N, C-alpha and C. Protein backbone atom coordinates (compact mmCIF):
# COMPACT_ATOMS: atom_id res chain seq x y z
N MET A 1 -35.92 28.13 36.29
CA MET A 1 -35.69 26.76 36.20
C MET A 1 -34.88 26.30 37.37
N ASP A 2 -35.46 25.38 38.16
CA ASP A 2 -34.76 24.83 39.29
C ASP A 2 -34.08 23.59 38.92
N PHE A 3 -32.85 23.37 39.42
CA PHE A 3 -32.03 22.20 39.19
C PHE A 3 -31.93 21.50 40.55
N PRO A 4 -32.12 20.17 40.54
CA PRO A 4 -31.88 19.37 41.76
C PRO A 4 -30.47 19.51 42.23
N THR A 5 -30.32 19.65 43.52
CA THR A 5 -28.91 19.75 44.04
C THR A 5 -28.84 18.65 45.07
N SER A 6 -27.66 18.00 45.13
CA SER A 6 -27.39 16.95 46.03
C SER A 6 -27.35 17.55 47.48
N ALA A 7 -27.98 16.85 48.42
CA ALA A 7 -27.85 17.31 49.81
C ALA A 7 -26.35 17.31 50.31
N MET A 8 -25.65 16.34 49.79
CA MET A 8 -24.21 16.28 50.13
C MET A 8 -23.49 17.52 49.69
N THR A 9 -23.77 18.03 48.53
CA THR A 9 -23.14 19.21 48.00
C THR A 9 -23.47 20.41 48.92
N LEU A 10 -24.73 20.57 49.21
CA LEU A 10 -25.22 21.76 50.01
C LEU A 10 -24.65 21.65 51.44
N ASP A 11 -24.33 20.50 51.93
CA ASP A 11 -23.82 20.36 53.35
C ASP A 11 -22.36 20.69 53.39
N LYS A 12 -21.70 20.84 52.26
CA LYS A 12 -20.26 21.09 52.24
C LYS A 12 -19.96 22.49 52.80
N THR A 13 -18.81 22.67 53.32
CA THR A 13 -18.40 23.97 53.83
C THR A 13 -17.39 24.54 52.83
N VAL A 14 -17.10 25.88 53.01
CA VAL A 14 -16.19 26.56 52.15
C VAL A 14 -14.76 25.97 52.37
N ALA A 15 -14.49 25.41 53.54
CA ALA A 15 -13.17 24.83 53.87
C ALA A 15 -12.96 23.64 52.94
N GLU A 16 -13.97 22.99 52.46
CA GLU A 16 -13.81 21.82 51.53
C GLU A 16 -13.62 22.16 50.08
N VAL A 17 -13.92 23.37 49.70
CA VAL A 17 -13.75 23.73 48.34
C VAL A 17 -12.87 24.96 48.02
N MET A 18 -12.43 25.62 49.19
CA MET A 18 -11.62 26.82 48.90
C MET A 18 -10.20 26.53 48.35
N THR A 19 -9.66 27.56 47.89
CA THR A 19 -8.24 27.58 47.42
C THR A 19 -7.42 27.94 48.58
N THR A 20 -6.40 27.12 48.94
CA THR A 20 -5.52 27.41 50.08
C THR A 20 -4.14 27.92 49.75
N ASP A 21 -3.74 27.79 48.53
CA ASP A 21 -2.45 28.20 48.03
C ASP A 21 -2.62 29.63 47.58
N LEU A 22 -2.55 30.58 48.49
CA LEU A 22 -2.83 31.97 48.28
C LEU A 22 -1.59 32.78 48.06
N VAL A 23 -1.67 33.81 47.22
CA VAL A 23 -0.64 34.76 47.05
C VAL A 23 -1.24 36.09 47.56
N THR A 24 -0.61 36.67 48.53
CA THR A 24 -1.14 37.91 49.15
C THR A 24 -0.22 39.11 48.81
N LEU A 25 -0.87 40.18 48.99
CA LEU A 25 -0.20 41.46 48.78
C LEU A 25 -0.13 42.29 50.04
N LYS A 26 0.79 43.26 50.18
CA LYS A 26 0.82 44.11 51.32
C LYS A 26 0.39 45.50 50.83
N LEU A 27 -0.04 46.26 51.81
CA LEU A 27 -0.62 47.62 51.53
C LEU A 27 0.22 48.46 50.56
N ASN A 28 1.50 48.39 50.71
CA ASN A 28 2.38 49.32 49.97
C ASN A 28 2.95 48.59 48.73
N ASP A 29 2.53 47.39 48.42
CA ASP A 29 2.94 46.80 47.13
C ASP A 29 2.40 47.60 46.04
N THR A 30 3.00 47.54 44.92
CA THR A 30 2.48 48.30 43.71
C THR A 30 1.59 47.43 42.86
N LEU A 31 0.83 48.08 42.02
CA LEU A 31 0.05 47.37 41.16
C LEU A 31 0.85 46.66 40.07
N ARG A 32 2.02 47.09 39.82
CA ARG A 32 2.88 46.37 38.80
C ARG A 32 3.19 45.02 39.38
N LEU A 33 3.45 44.91 40.69
CA LEU A 33 3.69 43.60 41.30
C LEU A 33 2.43 42.76 41.14
N ALA A 34 1.29 43.33 41.52
CA ALA A 34 0.03 42.58 41.32
C ALA A 34 -0.22 42.14 39.96
N ASP A 35 0.05 42.96 38.99
CA ASP A 35 -0.13 42.58 37.53
C ASP A 35 0.88 41.44 37.16
N ASP A 36 2.11 41.55 37.55
CA ASP A 36 3.05 40.49 37.31
C ASP A 36 2.63 39.19 37.86
N LEU A 37 2.17 39.15 39.14
CA LEU A 37 1.75 38.00 39.80
C LEU A 37 0.54 37.39 39.09
N MET A 38 -0.38 38.30 38.69
CA MET A 38 -1.63 37.81 38.10
C MET A 38 -1.33 37.10 36.76
N ASN A 39 -0.34 37.67 36.00
CA ASN A 39 0.02 37.10 34.78
C ASN A 39 0.86 35.84 34.89
N LEU A 40 1.78 35.86 35.78
CA LEU A 40 2.63 34.68 36.01
C LEU A 40 1.89 33.45 36.59
N ALA A 41 1.11 33.78 37.62
CA ALA A 41 0.48 32.65 38.39
C ALA A 41 -0.99 32.41 37.94
N LYS A 42 -1.48 33.23 36.96
CA LYS A 42 -2.90 33.11 36.51
C LYS A 42 -3.88 33.19 37.60
N LEU A 43 -3.70 34.19 38.50
CA LEU A 43 -4.57 34.44 39.60
C LEU A 43 -5.48 35.65 39.33
N ARG A 44 -6.66 35.69 39.95
CA ARG A 44 -7.56 36.85 39.75
C ARG A 44 -7.90 37.56 41.02
N HIS A 45 -7.48 37.03 42.21
CA HIS A 45 -7.88 37.64 43.45
C HIS A 45 -6.67 37.62 44.38
N PHE A 46 -6.42 38.73 45.04
CA PHE A 46 -5.32 38.88 45.93
C PHE A 46 -5.82 39.37 47.29
N PRO A 47 -5.73 38.65 48.34
CA PRO A 47 -6.02 39.23 49.69
C PRO A 47 -4.84 40.19 50.00
N VAL A 48 -5.24 41.26 50.66
CA VAL A 48 -4.25 42.30 51.17
C VAL A 48 -4.13 42.14 52.65
N LEU A 49 -2.88 42.04 53.07
CA LEU A 49 -2.56 41.81 54.48
C LEU A 49 -1.74 42.98 55.02
N ASP A 50 -1.96 43.29 56.29
CA ASP A 50 -1.15 44.21 57.06
C ASP A 50 -0.74 43.50 58.28
N ASN A 51 0.56 43.02 58.38
CA ASN A 51 0.95 42.24 59.48
C ASN A 51 0.18 41.03 59.70
N ALA A 52 -0.14 40.26 58.70
CA ALA A 52 -0.87 38.99 58.80
C ALA A 52 -2.42 39.27 59.05
N LYS A 53 -2.87 40.44 59.15
CA LYS A 53 -4.19 40.76 59.32
C LYS A 53 -4.90 41.13 57.95
N VAL A 54 -6.00 40.50 57.71
CA VAL A 54 -6.73 40.82 56.38
C VAL A 54 -7.29 42.24 56.47
N VAL A 55 -6.91 43.05 55.45
CA VAL A 55 -7.39 44.40 55.41
C VAL A 55 -8.06 44.76 54.11
N GLY A 56 -8.04 43.87 53.06
CA GLY A 56 -8.69 44.14 51.86
C GLY A 56 -8.47 43.09 50.83
N LEU A 57 -8.99 43.41 49.66
CA LEU A 57 -8.86 42.47 48.48
C LEU A 57 -8.67 43.30 47.25
N VAL A 58 -7.81 42.81 46.35
CA VAL A 58 -7.60 43.41 45.03
C VAL A 58 -7.92 42.20 44.04
N ASN A 59 -8.75 42.56 43.07
CA ASN A 59 -8.99 41.52 41.95
C ASN A 59 -8.57 42.09 40.57
N GLN A 60 -8.76 41.30 39.61
CA GLN A 60 -8.41 41.58 38.30
C GLN A 60 -9.12 42.82 37.79
N THR A 61 -10.38 42.97 38.14
CA THR A 61 -11.19 44.12 37.68
C THR A 61 -10.61 45.48 38.29
N ASP A 62 -10.25 45.38 39.61
CA ASP A 62 -9.67 46.56 40.29
C ASP A 62 -8.43 46.99 39.62
N LEU A 63 -7.57 46.03 39.25
CA LEU A 63 -6.37 46.24 38.51
C LEU A 63 -6.57 46.92 37.16
N LEU A 64 -7.44 46.45 36.47
CA LEU A 64 -7.80 47.07 35.12
C LEU A 64 -8.30 48.48 35.32
N HIS A 65 -9.21 48.75 36.15
CA HIS A 65 -9.70 50.09 36.39
C HIS A 65 -8.62 51.04 36.86
N ALA A 66 -7.84 50.60 37.75
CA ALA A 66 -6.72 51.41 38.31
C ALA A 66 -5.72 51.70 37.23
N SER A 67 -5.40 50.74 36.44
CA SER A 67 -4.36 50.94 35.34
C SER A 67 -4.96 51.98 34.33
N MET A 68 -6.23 51.90 34.02
CA MET A 68 -6.76 52.84 33.07
C MET A 68 -6.80 54.28 33.70
N ARG A 69 -7.12 54.42 34.92
CA ARG A 69 -7.09 55.72 35.55
C ARG A 69 -5.67 56.29 35.66
N SER A 70 -4.67 55.43 35.90
CA SER A 70 -3.35 55.85 36.00
C SER A 70 -2.85 56.36 34.63
N LEU A 71 -3.19 55.53 33.61
CA LEU A 71 -2.77 55.93 32.31
C LEU A 71 -3.39 57.22 31.86
N ALA A 72 -4.72 57.40 32.24
CA ALA A 72 -5.39 58.70 31.85
C ALA A 72 -4.76 59.91 32.48
N HIS A 73 -4.26 59.71 33.70
CA HIS A 73 -3.55 60.82 34.41
C HIS A 73 -2.15 61.02 33.92
N HIS A 74 -1.49 60.02 33.41
CA HIS A 74 -0.16 60.03 32.95
C HIS A 74 0.01 59.34 31.57
N PRO A 75 -0.66 59.99 30.52
CA PRO A 75 -0.72 59.30 29.28
C PRO A 75 0.61 59.01 28.53
N LYS A 76 1.72 59.63 28.94
CA LYS A 76 3.01 59.41 28.26
C LYS A 76 3.71 58.28 28.90
N ASN A 77 3.22 57.77 30.04
CA ASN A 77 3.92 56.58 30.62
C ASN A 77 3.48 55.26 30.03
N THR A 78 4.37 54.30 30.08
CA THR A 78 4.00 52.89 29.78
C THR A 78 3.07 52.35 30.83
N LEU A 79 2.36 51.36 30.46
CA LEU A 79 1.42 50.73 31.38
C LEU A 79 2.27 50.21 32.62
N ARG A 80 3.41 49.59 32.40
CA ARG A 80 4.17 49.11 33.58
C ARG A 80 4.56 50.23 34.50
N HIS A 81 5.01 51.36 33.86
CA HIS A 81 5.37 52.49 34.71
C HIS A 81 4.20 53.01 35.51
N ALA A 82 3.10 53.16 34.77
CA ALA A 82 1.84 53.66 35.41
C ALA A 82 1.44 52.74 36.59
N LEU A 83 1.52 51.46 36.41
CA LEU A 83 1.10 50.48 37.49
C LEU A 83 2.11 50.64 38.67
N GLY A 84 3.35 50.90 38.35
CA GLY A 84 4.32 51.08 39.42
C GLY A 84 4.14 52.27 40.24
N MET A 85 3.30 53.23 39.82
CA MET A 85 3.03 54.44 40.56
C MET A 85 1.87 54.36 41.55
N VAL A 86 1.12 53.24 41.45
CA VAL A 86 -0.10 53.07 42.27
C VAL A 86 0.18 51.98 43.22
N VAL A 87 -0.15 52.18 44.52
CA VAL A 87 0.00 51.21 45.58
C VAL A 87 -1.40 50.53 45.84
N VAL A 88 -1.26 49.30 46.31
CA VAL A 88 -2.42 48.41 46.61
C VAL A 88 -3.43 49.17 47.45
N LYS A 89 -2.97 49.80 48.57
CA LYS A 89 -3.87 50.34 49.48
C LYS A 89 -4.82 51.40 48.85
N ASP A 90 -4.38 52.01 47.77
CA ASP A 90 -5.19 53.05 47.10
C ASP A 90 -6.33 52.44 46.24
N VAL A 91 -6.30 51.19 45.93
CA VAL A 91 -7.32 50.65 45.05
C VAL A 91 -8.03 49.41 45.63
N MET A 92 -7.53 48.93 46.77
CA MET A 92 -8.19 47.68 47.32
C MET A 92 -9.58 48.02 47.85
N LYS A 93 -10.36 46.98 47.84
CA LYS A 93 -11.71 46.97 48.34
C LYS A 93 -11.76 46.29 49.71
N PRO A 94 -12.74 46.63 50.47
CA PRO A 94 -12.93 45.87 51.76
C PRO A 94 -13.09 44.40 51.44
N ALA A 95 -12.51 43.52 52.25
CA ALA A 95 -12.65 42.17 52.10
C ALA A 95 -13.90 41.59 52.72
N HIS A 96 -14.60 40.76 52.07
CA HIS A 96 -15.70 40.04 52.71
C HIS A 96 -15.17 38.73 53.16
N THR A 97 -15.45 38.40 54.44
CA THR A 97 -14.93 37.15 54.97
C THR A 97 -16.00 36.23 55.46
N VAL A 98 -15.68 34.99 55.52
CA VAL A 98 -16.46 33.95 56.20
C VAL A 98 -15.56 32.97 56.98
N SER A 99 -16.26 32.27 57.85
CA SER A 99 -15.42 31.37 58.63
C SER A 99 -15.31 30.00 57.92
N VAL A 100 -14.42 29.17 58.35
CA VAL A 100 -14.17 27.84 57.73
C VAL A 100 -15.35 26.97 57.73
N GLY A 101 -16.28 27.18 58.65
CA GLY A 101 -17.45 26.32 58.77
C GLY A 101 -18.70 26.85 58.02
N THR A 102 -18.53 27.89 57.25
CA THR A 102 -19.68 28.41 56.49
C THR A 102 -20.06 27.49 55.34
N SER A 103 -21.33 27.25 55.23
CA SER A 103 -21.73 26.31 54.06
C SER A 103 -21.55 27.00 52.81
N ILE A 104 -21.37 26.16 51.71
CA ILE A 104 -21.18 26.74 50.41
C ILE A 104 -22.46 27.40 49.97
N GLN A 105 -23.59 26.93 50.44
CA GLN A 105 -24.85 27.61 50.04
C GLN A 105 -24.92 29.02 50.68
N ASP A 106 -24.46 29.16 51.97
CA ASP A 106 -24.45 30.43 52.58
C ASP A 106 -23.43 31.38 51.88
N ALA A 107 -22.33 30.81 51.51
CA ALA A 107 -21.33 31.58 50.83
C ALA A 107 -21.79 32.07 49.53
N ALA A 108 -22.49 31.18 48.69
CA ALA A 108 -23.03 31.58 47.51
C ALA A 108 -24.09 32.77 47.66
N GLY A 109 -24.87 32.59 48.70
CA GLY A 109 -25.90 33.65 48.94
C GLY A 109 -25.36 34.98 49.29
N LEU A 110 -24.21 34.95 50.03
CA LEU A 110 -23.55 36.18 50.36
C LEU A 110 -22.92 36.86 49.18
N MET A 111 -22.32 36.06 48.27
CA MET A 111 -21.79 36.59 47.00
C MET A 111 -22.81 37.27 46.18
N VAL A 112 -23.91 36.60 46.04
CA VAL A 112 -25.06 37.12 45.25
C VAL A 112 -25.55 38.41 45.87
N GLU A 113 -25.75 38.38 47.18
CA GLU A 113 -26.24 39.62 47.94
C GLU A 113 -25.34 40.76 47.77
N LYS A 114 -24.00 40.53 47.86
CA LYS A 114 -23.02 41.66 47.86
C LYS A 114 -22.52 41.96 46.39
N GLY A 115 -22.79 41.09 45.48
CA GLY A 115 -22.42 41.29 44.14
C GLY A 115 -20.87 41.16 44.06
N ILE A 116 -20.35 40.18 44.69
CA ILE A 116 -18.89 40.00 44.68
C ILE A 116 -18.53 38.54 44.11
N GLU A 117 -17.19 38.43 43.73
CA GLU A 117 -16.79 37.29 43.12
C GLU A 117 -16.04 36.32 44.04
N SER A 118 -15.66 36.76 45.24
CA SER A 118 -14.89 35.87 46.09
C SER A 118 -15.03 36.32 47.53
N LEU A 119 -14.75 35.39 48.42
CA LEU A 119 -14.83 35.58 49.83
C LEU A 119 -13.46 35.04 50.43
N LEU A 120 -12.95 35.76 51.40
CA LEU A 120 -11.78 35.24 52.08
C LEU A 120 -12.24 34.39 53.30
N VAL A 121 -11.57 33.27 53.50
CA VAL A 121 -12.01 32.33 54.48
C VAL A 121 -10.99 32.46 55.66
N LEU A 122 -11.59 32.64 56.91
CA LEU A 122 -10.80 32.85 58.08
C LEU A 122 -11.00 31.72 59.05
N ASP A 123 -10.00 31.36 59.82
CA ASP A 123 -10.07 30.46 60.91
C ASP A 123 -9.66 31.35 62.08
N GLY A 124 -10.67 31.81 62.77
CA GLY A 124 -10.42 32.85 63.77
C GLY A 124 -10.12 34.18 63.07
N GLU A 125 -8.94 34.66 63.35
CA GLU A 125 -8.46 35.85 62.65
C GLU A 125 -7.46 35.60 61.52
N ARG A 126 -7.12 34.22 61.40
CA ARG A 126 -6.10 33.83 60.38
C ARG A 126 -6.67 33.53 59.08
N LEU A 127 -6.06 34.08 58.00
CA LEU A 127 -6.54 33.80 56.64
C LEU A 127 -6.08 32.41 56.25
N VAL A 128 -7.03 31.58 55.85
CA VAL A 128 -6.65 30.23 55.48
C VAL A 128 -7.06 29.80 54.09
N GLY A 129 -7.89 30.71 53.41
CA GLY A 129 -8.18 30.40 52.07
C GLY A 129 -9.08 31.45 51.36
N LEU A 130 -9.37 31.11 50.22
CA LEU A 130 -10.25 31.99 49.39
C LEU A 130 -11.24 31.11 48.56
N VAL A 131 -12.54 31.44 48.57
CA VAL A 131 -13.49 30.71 47.80
C VAL A 131 -14.09 31.76 46.81
N SER A 132 -14.10 31.27 45.64
CA SER A 132 -14.55 32.09 44.49
C SER A 132 -15.83 31.59 43.89
N ARG A 133 -16.49 32.33 43.07
CA ARG A 133 -17.69 31.88 42.43
C ARG A 133 -17.34 30.59 41.52
N THR A 134 -16.05 30.60 40.97
CA THR A 134 -15.72 29.44 40.16
C THR A 134 -15.57 28.19 41.07
N ASP A 135 -15.07 28.27 42.31
CA ASP A 135 -14.99 27.20 43.21
C ASP A 135 -16.39 26.64 43.52
N LEU A 136 -17.36 27.52 43.63
CA LEU A 136 -18.67 27.03 44.05
C LEU A 136 -19.34 26.39 42.88
N LEU A 137 -19.17 26.97 41.70
CA LEU A 137 -19.76 26.39 40.47
C LEU A 137 -19.18 25.08 40.14
N ARG A 138 -17.82 25.00 40.33
CA ARG A 138 -17.18 23.71 40.14
C ARG A 138 -17.73 22.63 41.03
N GLU A 139 -17.99 22.96 42.26
CA GLU A 139 -18.54 21.93 43.25
C GLU A 139 -19.98 21.62 42.80
N LEU A 140 -20.78 22.50 42.37
CA LEU A 140 -22.14 22.14 41.95
C LEU A 140 -22.12 21.33 40.67
N ALA A 141 -21.12 21.61 39.80
CA ALA A 141 -21.05 20.80 38.54
C ALA A 141 -20.65 19.32 38.79
N ARG A 142 -20.12 19.09 40.02
CA ARG A 142 -19.67 17.72 40.31
C ARG A 142 -20.75 16.78 40.72
N ARG A 143 -21.90 17.36 41.09
CA ARG A 143 -23.02 16.51 41.63
C ARG A 143 -23.54 15.55 40.66
């Protein structure tokens, strides 16, 4: 079933719909910190930086899988202790990035093609935002 889309919506760029208030993690941060931030700030995606350079991404699913693996290896530990034993660099995935001028249509196509939930948005080499499937769906729902 095809739904009509507004030409104005399809002309928008990721810069117009991205989240810019990002919480980032460092390579040696623990998953306990990621879990705390996720619960406190209600976030699902964390860019991972190494000296301001994007090196990866950790999301809610990564955290869940890593916590289950850690608990399986250390069943007597509490979840918080198990999460404190795992560092971000051991569970992060490569980050998929787009430039600020990427259309939301191209971003959506890339997410579908790669089977991912978010893209990091760069202005040159600098991280400036994150666009998620939710951001794109919200924009389409506004038409």
